[in-house]
Amino acid sequence: MFRRHEPVPFTPPAEADTFRSNVTPPPRPRPSAGQLAGRWLLGLTIVAGIVGSLIIATPALSTPSSSTPVQQSQASQGHAPGR
């Protein structure tokens, strides 16, 4: 039996993904001055937080210098207390 190819009034889902419309969407509205200032303030706050955390953490990450003498307890030297 032969099937007749008739036009289908809808588009199958596989072909619907590739369909491109020739209608352009409206342009995006420009952000207001307050929105721009808020974005800049948020960005600066994030950058300042990262820089501040690096500045605060730098002393903790640095190795002790060799010029300071290392103190050892008497117990580590093998001396008994009180003798």
Protein backbone atom coordinates (compact mmCIF):
# COMPACT_ATOMS: atom_id res chain seq x y z
CA MET A 1 0.00 0.00 0.00
CA PHE A 2 1.11 3.49 -0.77
CA ARG A 3 0.84 6.34 1.69
CA ARG A 4 -0.25 9.70 0.49
CA HIS A 5 1.93 12.61 1.57
CA GLU A 6 -0.41 15.26 2.78
CA PRO A 7 0.70 18.52 4.40
CA VAL A 8 0.66 18.31 8.16
CA PRO A 9 -0.84 21.32 9.94
CA PHE A 10 1.75 21.21 12.74
CA THR A 11 5.51 20.89 12.95
CA PRO A 12 6.97 17.77 14.55
CA PRO A 13 9.03 18.51 17.70
CA ALA A 14 12.34 17.60 16.03
CA GLU A 15 11.83 20.22 13.36
CA ALA A 16 10.48 22.81 15.79
CA ASP A 17 13.93 23.14 17.41
CA THR A 18 15.56 24.21 14.17
CA PHE A 19 12.91 26.76 13.21
CA ARG A 20 14.20 30.31 13.04
CA SER A 21 11.81 33.19 13.24
CA ASN A 22 12.22 36.17 10.97
CA VAL A 23 10.72 38.45 13.64
CA THR A 24 13.34 40.25 15.70
CA PRO A 25 12.64 40.60 19.42
CA PRO A 26 12.35 44.10 20.84
CA PRO A 27 15.62 45.63 22.05
CA ARG A 28 16.53 45.27 25.70
CA PRO A 29 15.73 48.28 27.84
CA ARG A 30 18.79 50.20 28.93
CA PRO A 31 19.59 49.89 32.63
CA SER A 32 18.92 52.96 34.71
CA ALA A 33 21.64 54.92 36.49
CA GLY A 34 20.68 53.30 39.79
CA GLN A 35 21.01 49.82 38.31
CA LEU A 36 24.43 50.66 36.85
CA ALA A 37 25.59 52.10 40.17
CA GLY A 38 24.33 49.01 41.98
CA ARG A 39 26.22 46.70 39.64
CA TRP A 40 29.43 48.69 40.07
CA LEU A 41 28.99 48.74 43.85
CA LEU A 42 28.42 44.99 43.96
CA GLY A 43 31.49 44.36 41.80
CA LEU A 44 33.67 46.62 43.91
CA THR A 45 32.43 44.96 47.10
CA ILE A 46 33.30 41.51 45.78
CA VAL A 47 36.75 42.60 44.60
CA ALA A 48 37.43 44.41 47.90
CA GLY A 49 36.41 41.31 49.84
CA ILE A 50 38.77 39.10 47.86
CA VAL A 51 41.67 41.55 48.18
CA GLY A 52 41.00 42.06 51.90
CA SER A 53 40.89 38.34 52.59
CA LEU A 54 44.20 37.88 50.77
CA ILE A 55 45.79 40.71 52.76
CA ILE A 56 44.56 39.30 56.06
CA ALA A 57 45.57 35.73 55.16
CA THR A 58 49.06 36.62 53.93
CA PRO A 59 50.74 36.56 57.39
CA ALA A 60 49.17 33.19 58.15
CA LEU A 61 50.38 31.74 54.86
CA SER A 62 53.94 32.99 55.14
CA THR A 63 56.64 30.75 56.58
CA PRO A 64 58.52 31.95 59.65
CA SER A 65 61.83 33.61 58.86
CA SER A 66 65.08 31.92 59.91
CA SER A 67 66.32 35.01 61.81
CA THR A 68 64.01 34.35 64.78
CA PRO A 69 65.33 31.70 67.19
CA VAL A 70 63.19 28.64 67.63
CA GLN A 71 62.36 28.03 71.29
CA GLN A 72 62.33 24.48 72.53
CA SER A 73 60.82 23.36 75.75
CA GLN A 74 62.98 21.70 78.39
CA ALA A 75 60.95 18.52 78.11
CA SER A 76 61.95 18.14 74.47
CA GLN A 77 65.64 18.40 75.47
CA GLY A 78 65.41 15.45 77.89
CA HIS A 79 65.58 17.41 81.14
CA ALA A 80 63.34 16.29 83.95
CA PRO A 81 61.49 19.09 85.77
CA GLY A 82 62.78 20.00 89.20
CA ARG A 83 66.24 18.41 88.93
